Amino acid sequence: MDVEGLVEASLFISSKPLTVEELAEATKLRNREVREVLKNIISKWGKGAIEVVKIGNAYSMQVKEEYGERLRELAPPQIPEKLLKTLSLVAYHQPIRQVEIRDMVGRRVYDDLRQLEELEMVSRKPSGSTKIVKATALFNEYFGIGGESQDEIKTLLERKLDR
């Protein structure tokens, strides 16, 4: 069996990014083999509309951004558009007090945050009379954010907003 095809197929059918260890377990390959195959796949797929990207310590197959934006109606977002402003504010300013987000968005923020928490995009932890809100790892995964540092998230959001 073609090991490159096996790793490609694993990335294609997975609903989440996969670590080298997860790919090795699924394909019955050694971690070292998976890393070598990933290098080849990333190089090969980098030329078309599909790409393999590293997200944190995992890998995912996705449509390149320039194609995804043009074809968005074929795959409508799973997060309602009305929640995106609140979510982006949380991601940009995190960790942030819930009351500070309310000052930026208004009273509807409580409903927005409840829905975002149900979608597992944010987490809220009690802190005195308010809550501290942060984006989750699922947020990074969903938006293809490779780094988890606050500076990397801010840079990505600023780049997206400059369009």
N, C-alpha and C. Protein backbone atom coordinates (compact mmCIF):
# COMPACT_ATOMS: atom_id res chain seq x y z
N MET A 1 0.85 -1.18 0.00
CA MET A 1 0.00 0.00 0.00
C MET A 1 0.89 1.24 0.00
N ASP A 2 0.48 2.27 -0.71
CA ASP A 2 1.19 3.54 -0.81
C ASP A 2 1.07 4.30 0.51
N VAL A 3 2.18 4.48 1.23
CA VAL A 3 2.13 5.12 2.55
C VAL A 3 1.75 6.60 2.44
N GLU A 4 2.18 7.25 1.37
CA GLU A 4 1.81 8.66 1.19
C GLU A 4 0.29 8.78 1.00
N GLY A 5 -0.27 7.89 0.20
CA GLY A 5 -1.71 7.88 -0.01
C GLY A 5 -2.46 7.59 1.28
N LEU A 6 -1.90 6.72 2.09
CA LEU A 6 -2.52 6.37 3.36
C LEU A 6 -2.58 7.58 4.30
N VAL A 7 -1.49 8.32 4.38
CA VAL A 7 -1.47 9.52 5.24
C VAL A 7 -2.39 10.59 4.65
N GLU A 8 -2.35 10.79 3.33
CA GLU A 8 -3.25 11.75 2.68
C GLU A 8 -4.71 11.41 2.98
N ALA A 9 -5.06 10.16 2.82
CA ALA A 9 -6.45 9.73 3.05
C ALA A 9 -6.83 9.97 4.51
N SER A 10 -5.91 9.73 5.42
CA SER A 10 -6.19 9.97 6.84
C SER A 10 -6.49 11.43 7.10
N LEU A 11 -5.69 12.32 6.51
CA LEU A 11 -5.91 13.76 6.68
C LEU A 11 -7.23 14.19 6.04
N PHE A 12 -7.54 13.60 4.89
CA PHE A 12 -8.75 13.98 4.15
C PHE A 12 -10.02 13.58 4.90
N ILE A 13 -10.04 12.38 5.47
CA ILE A 13 -11.28 11.91 6.10
C ILE A 13 -11.44 12.36 7.55
N SER A 14 -10.36 12.87 8.14
CA SER A 14 -10.45 13.27 9.54
C SER A 14 -11.25 14.56 9.69
N SER A 15 -12.05 14.62 10.73
CA SER A 15 -12.84 15.82 11.01
C SER A 15 -12.07 16.82 11.86
N LYS A 16 -10.82 16.47 12.21
CA LYS A 16 -10.01 17.36 13.04
C LYS A 16 -8.55 17.20 12.64
N PRO A 17 -7.71 18.18 12.96
CA PRO A 17 -6.28 18.02 12.69
C PRO A 17 -5.72 16.83 13.46
N LEU A 18 -4.74 16.16 12.86
CA LEU A 18 -4.15 14.97 13.46
C LEU A 18 -2.67 15.19 13.77
N THR A 19 -2.24 14.73 14.94
CA THR A 19 -0.83 14.81 15.30
C THR A 19 -0.07 13.70 14.58
N VAL A 20 1.24 13.80 14.58
CA VAL A 20 2.08 12.76 14.00
C VAL A 20 1.79 11.43 14.69
N GLU A 21 1.63 11.47 15.98
CA GLU A 21 1.36 10.24 16.74
C GLU A 21 0.02 9.62 16.33
N GLU A 22 -1.00 10.45 16.16
CA GLU A 22 -2.31 9.94 15.74
C GLU A 22 -2.24 9.36 14.33
N LEU A 23 -1.51 10.04 13.44
CA LEU A 23 -1.34 9.52 12.08
C LEU A 23 -0.57 8.20 12.09
N ALA A 24 0.46 8.12 12.93
CA ALA A 24 1.25 6.89 13.02
C ALA A 24 0.39 5.74 13.52
N GLU A 25 -0.42 5.99 14.52
CA GLU A 25 -1.28 4.95 15.07
C GLU A 25 -2.31 4.49 14.03
N ALA A 26 -2.92 5.45 13.34
CA ALA A 26 -3.95 5.11 12.35
C ALA A 26 -3.39 4.36 11.15
N THR A 27 -2.17 4.73 10.74
CA THR A 27 -1.60 4.15 9.52
C THR A 27 -0.66 2.98 9.79
N LYS A 28 -0.36 2.75 11.06
CA LYS A 28 0.58 1.69 11.47
C LYS A 28 1.99 1.97 10.96
N LEU A 29 2.35 3.25 10.85
CA LEU A 29 3.69 3.66 10.46
C LEU A 29 4.43 4.17 11.69
N ARG A 30 5.72 4.32 11.58
CA ARG A 30 6.50 4.91 12.67
C ARG A 30 6.41 6.44 12.56
N ASN A 31 6.56 7.11 13.69
CA ASN A 31 6.49 8.58 13.72
C ASN A 31 7.44 9.19 12.70
N ARG A 32 8.66 8.67 12.61
CA ARG A 32 9.67 9.19 11.69
C ARG A 32 9.17 9.08 10.24
N GLU A 33 8.55 7.95 9.90
CA GLU A 33 8.01 7.77 8.55
C GLU A 33 6.90 8.78 8.26
N VAL A 34 6.04 8.98 9.24
CA VAL A 34 4.94 9.92 9.08
C VAL A 34 5.48 11.32 8.83
N ARG A 35 6.50 11.73 9.58
CA ARG A 35 7.08 13.07 9.41
C ARG A 35 7.64 13.24 7.99
N GLU A 36 8.32 12.22 7.48
CA GLU A 36 8.88 12.28 6.12
C GLU A 36 7.76 12.37 5.08
N VAL A 37 6.73 11.55 5.26
CA VAL A 37 5.61 11.55 4.33
C VAL A 37 4.91 12.91 4.36
N LEU A 38 4.74 13.49 5.55
CA LEU A 38 4.10 14.80 5.67
C LEU A 38 4.86 15.87 4.91
N LYS A 39 6.19 15.83 4.97
CA LYS A 39 7.00 16.80 4.22
C LYS A 39 6.69 16.69 2.73
N ASN A 40 6.63 15.47 2.21
CA ASN A 40 6.32 15.26 0.79
C ASN A 40 4.91 15.73 0.44
N ILE A 41 3.96 15.40 1.30
CA ILE A 41 2.56 15.78 1.04
C ILE A 41 2.40 17.30 1.06
N ILE A 42 3.02 17.95 2.03
CA ILE A 42 2.93 19.42 2.13
C ILE A 42 3.49 20.05 0.87
N SER A 43 4.60 19.55 0.40
CA SER A 43 5.22 20.06 -0.82
C SER A 43 4.32 19.83 -2.04
N LYS A 44 3.80 18.63 -2.16
CA LYS A 44 2.95 18.27 -3.29
C LYS A 44 1.65 19.06 -3.32
N TRP A 45 0.97 19.13 -2.19
CA TRP A 45 -0.33 19.80 -2.13
C TRP A 45 -0.19 21.32 -2.14
N GLY A 46 0.97 21.84 -1.91
CA GLY A 46 1.17 23.28 -1.88
C GLY A 46 0.97 23.95 -3.23
N LYS A 47 0.91 23.18 -4.30
CA LYS A 47 0.81 23.75 -5.64
C LYS A 47 -0.63 23.91 -6.12
N GLY A 48 -1.58 23.30 -5.48
CA GLY A 48 -2.97 23.33 -5.94
C GLY A 48 -3.87 24.16 -5.05
N ALA A 49 -5.15 23.86 -5.11
CA ALA A 49 -6.15 24.59 -4.32
C ALA A 49 -6.28 24.03 -2.91
N ILE A 50 -5.74 22.85 -2.70
CA ILE A 50 -5.79 22.20 -1.38
C ILE A 50 -4.40 22.29 -0.76
N GLU A 51 -4.35 22.44 0.55
CA GLU A 51 -3.06 22.48 1.23
C GLU A 51 -3.13 21.66 2.50
N VAL A 52 -1.96 21.20 2.92
CA VAL A 52 -1.83 20.54 4.22
C VAL A 52 -1.08 21.52 5.09
N VAL A 53 -1.68 21.87 6.22
CA VAL A 53 -1.10 22.88 7.11
C VAL A 53 -0.89 22.31 8.50
N LYS A 54 0.10 22.87 9.18
CA LYS A 54 0.35 22.51 10.57
C LYS A 54 -0.42 23.48 11.43
N ILE A 55 -1.22 22.93 12.34
CA ILE A 55 -2.02 23.73 13.26
C ILE A 55 -1.61 23.29 14.66
N GLY A 56 -0.83 24.14 15.32
CA GLY A 56 -0.27 23.73 16.61
C GLY A 56 0.69 22.58 16.37
N ASN A 57 0.42 21.43 16.98
CA ASN A 57 1.27 20.26 16.75
C ASN A 57 0.57 19.21 15.91
N ALA A 58 -0.47 19.61 15.18
CA ALA A 58 -1.24 18.68 14.35
C ALA A 58 -1.29 19.18 12.90
N TYR A 59 -1.76 18.30 12.02
CA TYR A 59 -1.82 18.61 10.59
C TYR A 59 -3.25 18.44 10.09
N SER A 60 -3.59 19.30 9.12
CA SER A 60 -4.94 19.28 8.57
C SER A 60 -4.89 19.55 7.08
N MET A 61 -5.82 18.97 6.34
CA MET A 61 -5.97 19.23 4.92
C MET A 61 -7.13 20.21 4.79
N GLN A 62 -6.91 21.29 4.02
CA GLN A 62 -7.94 22.30 3.88
C GLN A 62 -7.83 22.98 2.53
N VAL A 63 -8.89 23.68 2.14
CA VAL A 63 -8.91 24.48 0.92
C VAL A 63 -8.11 25.75 1.20
N LYS A 64 -7.26 26.15 0.24
CA LYS A 64 -6.51 27.38 0.42
C LYS A 64 -7.48 28.56 0.56
N GLU A 65 -7.05 29.51 1.34
CA GLU A 65 -7.91 30.65 1.70
C GLU A 65 -8.47 31.38 0.48
N GLU A 66 -7.66 31.60 -0.54
CA GLU A 66 -8.15 32.37 -1.70
C GLU A 66 -9.27 31.65 -2.45
N TYR A 67 -9.31 30.32 -2.37
CA TYR A 67 -10.40 29.56 -3.00
C TYR A 67 -11.61 29.48 -2.08
N GLY A 68 -11.34 29.30 -0.81
CA GLY A 68 -12.42 29.17 0.16
C GLY A 68 -13.31 30.39 0.22
N GLU A 69 -12.70 31.57 0.14
CA GLU A 69 -13.49 32.81 0.20
C GLU A 69 -14.43 32.93 -0.99
N ARG A 70 -13.95 32.55 -2.15
CA ARG A 70 -14.77 32.68 -3.36
C ARG A 70 -15.89 31.65 -3.42
N LEU A 71 -15.68 30.52 -2.78
CA LEU A 71 -16.64 29.42 -2.85
C LEU A 71 -17.38 29.20 -1.54
N ARG A 72 -17.39 30.21 -0.69
CA ARG A 72 -17.97 30.10 0.65
C ARG A 72 -19.42 29.60 0.65
N GLU A 73 -20.21 29.95 -0.35
CA GLU A 73 -21.63 29.55 -0.35
C GLU A 73 -21.80 28.04 -0.48
N LEU A 74 -20.78 27.34 -0.95
CA LEU A 74 -20.87 25.88 -1.05
C LEU A 74 -20.72 25.21 0.32
N ALA A 75 -20.10 25.91 1.24
CA ALA A 75 -19.91 25.38 2.59
C ALA A 75 -20.18 26.51 3.58
N PRO A 76 -21.46 26.76 3.89
CA PRO A 76 -21.77 27.87 4.79
C PRO A 76 -21.12 27.67 6.16
N PRO A 77 -20.75 28.77 6.81
CA PRO A 77 -20.08 28.67 8.11
C PRO A 77 -20.98 28.01 9.16
N GLN A 78 -20.35 27.30 10.06
CA GLN A 78 -21.08 26.64 11.14
C GLN A 78 -21.35 27.60 12.30
N ILE A 79 -20.66 28.73 12.28
CA ILE A 79 -20.86 29.73 13.32
C ILE A 79 -21.69 30.86 12.72
N PRO A 80 -22.85 31.14 13.30
CA PRO A 80 -23.69 32.22 12.76
C PRO A 80 -22.91 33.53 12.68
N GLU A 81 -23.11 34.25 11.59
CA GLU A 81 -22.37 35.49 11.35
C GLU A 81 -22.54 36.51 12.48
N LYS A 82 -23.73 36.53 13.09
CA LYS A 82 -23.98 37.51 14.16
C LYS A 82 -23.09 37.28 15.38
N LEU A 83 -22.49 36.09 15.51
CA LEU A 83 -21.62 35.79 16.65
C LEU A 83 -20.15 36.09 16.37
N LEU A 84 -19.80 36.29 15.11
CA LEU A 84 -18.40 36.43 14.74
C LEU A 84 -17.74 37.67 15.33
N LYS A 85 -18.47 38.78 15.44
CA LYS A 85 -17.88 39.98 16.03
C LYS A 85 -17.48 39.72 17.49
N THR A 86 -18.39 39.13 18.23
CA THR A 86 -18.10 38.83 19.63
C THR A 86 -16.94 37.85 19.73
N LEU A 87 -16.94 36.82 18.90
CA LEU A 87 -15.88 35.82 18.93
C LEU A 87 -14.53 36.45 18.58
N SER A 88 -14.50 37.31 17.58
CA SER A 88 -13.23 37.94 17.20
C SER A 88 -12.72 38.86 18.30
N LEU A 89 -13.62 39.55 18.99
CA LEU A 89 -13.21 40.41 20.10
C LEU A 89 -12.61 39.58 21.24
N VAL A 90 -13.23 38.46 21.53
CA VAL A 90 -12.70 37.58 22.57
C VAL A 90 -11.31 37.10 22.17
N ALA A 91 -11.19 36.61 20.94
CA ALA A 91 -9.90 36.06 20.48
C ALA A 91 -8.81 37.13 20.49
N TYR A 92 -9.16 38.33 20.09
CA TYR A 92 -8.17 39.40 20.00
C TYR A 92 -7.72 39.89 21.37
N HIS A 93 -8.67 40.01 22.31
CA HIS A 93 -8.36 40.61 23.61
C HIS A 93 -8.16 39.60 24.74
N GLN A 94 -8.28 38.33 24.46
CA GLN A 94 -8.25 37.32 25.52
C GLN A 94 -6.96 37.32 26.33
N PRO A 95 -7.03 36.91 27.57
CA PRO A 95 -8.26 36.71 28.34
C PRO A 95 -8.89 38.08 28.64
N ILE A 96 -10.20 38.10 28.58
CA ILE A 96 -10.92 39.36 28.76
C ILE A 96 -12.09 39.14 29.71
N ARG A 97 -12.38 40.15 30.49
CA ARG A 97 -13.53 40.07 31.39
C ARG A 97 -14.80 40.23 30.58
N GLN A 98 -15.81 39.46 30.92
CA GLN A 98 -17.09 39.49 30.22
C GLN A 98 -17.69 40.90 30.21
N VAL A 99 -17.54 41.63 31.28
CA VAL A 99 -18.09 42.98 31.38
C VAL A 99 -17.41 43.91 30.36
N GLU A 100 -16.13 43.68 30.05
CA GLU A 100 -15.43 44.51 29.06
C GLU A 100 -15.98 44.24 27.65
N ILE A 101 -16.30 42.99 27.37
CA ILE A 101 -16.89 42.66 26.07
C ILE A 101 -18.28 43.30 25.97
N ARG A 102 -19.03 43.26 27.07
CA ARG A 102 -20.36 43.89 27.08
C ARG A 102 -20.25 45.36 26.74
N ASP A 103 -19.23 46.03 27.25
CA ASP A 103 -19.04 47.45 26.95
C ASP A 103 -18.78 47.68 25.46
N MET A 104 -18.19 46.71 24.78
CA MET A 104 -17.88 46.85 23.35
C MET A 104 -19.06 46.45 22.46
N VAL A 105 -19.81 45.42 22.88
CA VAL A 105 -20.84 44.82 22.03
C VAL A 105 -22.25 45.21 22.45
N GLY A 106 -22.45 45.37 23.75
CA GLY A 106 -23.78 45.65 24.26
C GLY A 106 -24.33 44.45 25.02
N ARG A 107 -25.56 44.58 25.47
CA ARG A 107 -26.15 43.56 26.34
C ARG A 107 -26.36 42.22 25.66
N ARG A 108 -26.44 42.21 24.33
CA ARG A 108 -26.63 40.94 23.62
C ARG A 108 -25.44 40.00 23.79
N VAL A 109 -24.35 40.54 24.34
CA VAL A 109 -23.12 39.76 24.49
C VAL A 109 -23.35 38.51 25.34
N TYR A 110 -24.23 38.58 26.31
CA TYR A 110 -24.45 37.44 27.19
C TYR A 110 -25.02 36.25 26.39
N ASP A 111 -25.96 36.54 25.51
CA ASP A 111 -26.52 35.50 24.65
C ASP A 111 -25.46 35.01 23.66
N ASP A 112 -24.70 35.95 23.08
CA ASP A 112 -23.63 35.57 22.14
C ASP A 112 -22.65 34.62 22.82
N LEU A 113 -22.20 34.98 24.02
CA LEU A 113 -21.20 34.17 24.72
C LEU A 113 -21.77 32.80 25.10
N ARG A 114 -23.04 32.77 25.47
CA ARG A 114 -23.67 31.48 25.78
C ARG A 114 -23.64 30.58 24.55
N GLN A 115 -24.02 31.14 23.39
CA GLN A 115 -24.02 30.35 22.16
C GLN A 115 -22.60 29.93 21.76
N LEU A 116 -21.65 30.83 21.90
CA LEU A 116 -20.26 30.50 21.56
C LEU A 116 -19.70 29.43 22.49
N GLU A 117 -20.13 29.47 23.75
CA GLU A 117 -19.71 28.44 24.69
C GLU A 117 -20.33 27.09 24.31
N GLU A 118 -21.58 27.09 23.88
CA GLU A 118 -22.23 25.85 23.42
C GLU A 118 -21.52 25.28 22.19
N LEU A 119 -21.02 26.17 21.33
CA LEU A 119 -20.27 25.74 20.14
C LEU A 119 -18.83 25.37 20.48
N GLU A 120 -18.45 25.54 21.76
CA GLU A 120 -17.12 25.23 22.29
C GLU A 120 -16.03 26.11 21.67
N MET A 121 -16.41 27.34 21.30
CA MET A 121 -15.45 28.29 20.74
C MET A 121 -14.83 29.18 21.82
N VAL A 122 -15.55 29.34 22.94
CA VAL A 122 -15.02 30.12 24.06
C VAL A 122 -15.25 29.35 25.36
N SER A 123 -14.44 29.72 26.34
CA SER A 123 -14.68 29.20 27.69
C SER A 123 -14.83 30.40 28.61
N ARG A 124 -15.67 30.24 29.64
CA ARG A 124 -15.90 31.30 30.62
C ARG A 124 -15.67 30.73 32.00
N LYS A 125 -14.84 31.44 32.76
CA LYS A 125 -14.54 31.03 34.13
C LYS A 125 -14.92 32.15 35.08
N PRO A 126 -15.65 31.84 36.16
CA PRO A 126 -16.02 32.89 37.12
C PRO A 126 -14.79 33.59 37.70
N SER A 127 -14.92 34.91 37.86
CA SER A 127 -13.85 35.71 38.45
C SER A 127 -14.52 36.90 39.15
N GLY A 128 -14.73 36.75 40.43
CA GLY A 128 -15.44 37.80 41.16
C GLY A 128 -16.87 37.90 40.68
N SER A 129 -17.30 39.12 40.35
CA SER A 129 -18.69 39.33 39.92
C SER A 129 -18.86 39.19 38.41
N THR A 130 -17.81 38.83 37.70
CA THR A 130 -17.90 38.66 36.25
C THR A 130 -17.27 37.31 35.88
N LYS A 131 -16.99 37.14 34.61
CA LYS A 131 -16.33 35.92 34.14
C LYS A 131 -15.18 36.32 33.23
N ILE A 132 -14.16 35.49 33.20
CA ILE A 132 -13.03 35.67 32.28
C ILE A 132 -13.31 34.79 31.07
N VAL A 133 -13.20 35.39 29.89
CA VAL A 133 -13.55 34.70 28.65
C VAL A 133 -12.29 34.53 27.81
N LYS A 134 -12.14 33.32 27.25
CA LYS A 134 -11.00 33.01 26.38
C LYS A 134 -11.48 32.15 25.21
N ALA A 135 -10.79 32.26 24.10
CA ALA A 135 -11.05 31.36 22.96
C ALA A 135 -10.47 29.99 23.32
N THR A 136 -11.07 28.95 22.78
CA THR A 136 -10.64 27.58 23.07
C THR A 136 -9.69 27.05 22.00
N ALA A 137 -9.15 25.88 22.24
CA ALA A 137 -8.31 25.21 21.24
C ALA A 137 -9.14 24.91 19.99
N LEU A 138 -10.43 24.64 20.16
CA LEU A 138 -11.29 24.39 19.01
C LEU A 138 -11.38 25.63 18.12
N PHE A 139 -11.35 26.82 18.72
CA PHE A 139 -11.33 28.06 17.94
C PHE A 139 -10.12 28.06 17.02
N ASN A 140 -8.94 27.77 17.58
CA ASN A 140 -7.71 27.74 16.77
C ASN A 140 -7.82 26.71 15.66
N GLU A 141 -8.32 25.54 16.00
CA GLU A 141 -8.47 24.47 15.02
C GLU A 141 -9.44 24.87 13.91
N TYR A 142 -10.57 25.41 14.28
CA TYR A 142 -11.62 25.78 13.33
C TYR A 142 -11.13 26.84 12.35
N PHE A 143 -10.37 27.81 12.86
CA PHE A 143 -9.91 28.90 12.01
C PHE A 143 -8.51 28.67 11.46
N GLY A 144 -7.95 27.49 11.70
CA GLY A 144 -6.65 27.16 11.13
C GLY A 144 -5.52 28.01 11.66
N ILE A 145 -5.59 28.32 12.93
CA ILE A 145 -4.53 29.12 13.55
C ILE A 145 -3.47 28.17 14.06
N GLY A 146 -2.27 28.29 13.49
CA GLY A 146 -1.20 27.36 13.83
C GLY A 146 -0.63 27.60 15.21
N GLY A 147 -0.45 28.84 15.58
CA GLY A 147 0.12 29.15 16.88
C GLY A 147 -0.97 29.39 17.88
N GLU A 148 -0.62 29.22 19.10
CA GLU A 148 -1.61 29.48 20.13
C GLU A 148 -1.26 30.71 20.95
N SER A 149 -0.19 31.42 20.54
CA SER A 149 0.17 32.60 21.30
C SER A 149 -0.77 33.74 20.95
N GLN A 150 -0.98 34.61 21.88
CA GLN A 150 -1.88 35.74 21.68
C GLN A 150 -1.40 36.62 20.54
N ASP A 151 -0.09 36.80 20.41
CA ASP A 151 0.44 37.63 19.33
C ASP A 151 0.13 37.04 17.96
N GLU A 152 0.23 35.72 17.83
CA GLU A 152 -0.08 35.07 16.55
C GLU A 152 -1.56 35.21 16.20
N ILE A 153 -2.42 35.09 17.18
CA ILE A 153 -3.85 35.23 16.94
C ILE A 153 -4.16 36.67 16.53
N LYS A 154 -3.57 37.65 17.23
CA LYS A 154 -3.79 39.05 16.88
C LYS A 154 -3.31 39.34 15.46
N THR A 155 -2.14 38.83 15.10
CA THR A 155 -1.59 39.04 13.75
C THR A 155 -2.52 38.48 12.70
N LEU A 156 -3.03 37.28 12.91
CA LEU A 156 -3.94 36.66 11.95
C LEU A 156 -5.22 37.48 11.81
N LEU A 157 -5.80 37.88 12.92
CA LEU A 157 -7.04 38.65 12.87
C LEU A 157 -6.83 40.00 12.20
N GLU A 158 -5.71 40.65 12.49
CA GLU A 158 -5.42 41.93 11.85
C GLU A 158 -5.25 41.77 10.35
N ARG A 159 -4.57 40.71 9.94
CA ARG A 159 -4.37 40.43 8.50
C ARG A 159 -5.71 40.19 7.80
N LYS A 160 -6.59 39.43 8.44
CA LYS A 160 -7.89 39.14 7.85
C LYS A 160 -8.75 40.39 7.75
N LEU A 161 -8.66 41.28 8.72
CA LEU A 161 -9.47 42.49 8.73
C LEU A 161 -8.97 43.55 7.76
N ASP A 162 -7.72 43.46 7.33
CA ASP A 162 -7.15 44.43 6.40
C ASP A 162 -7.65 44.26 4.97
N ARG A 163 -8.34 43.20 4.67
CA ARG A 163 -8.79 42.94 3.30
C ARG A 163 -9.83 43.90 2.86
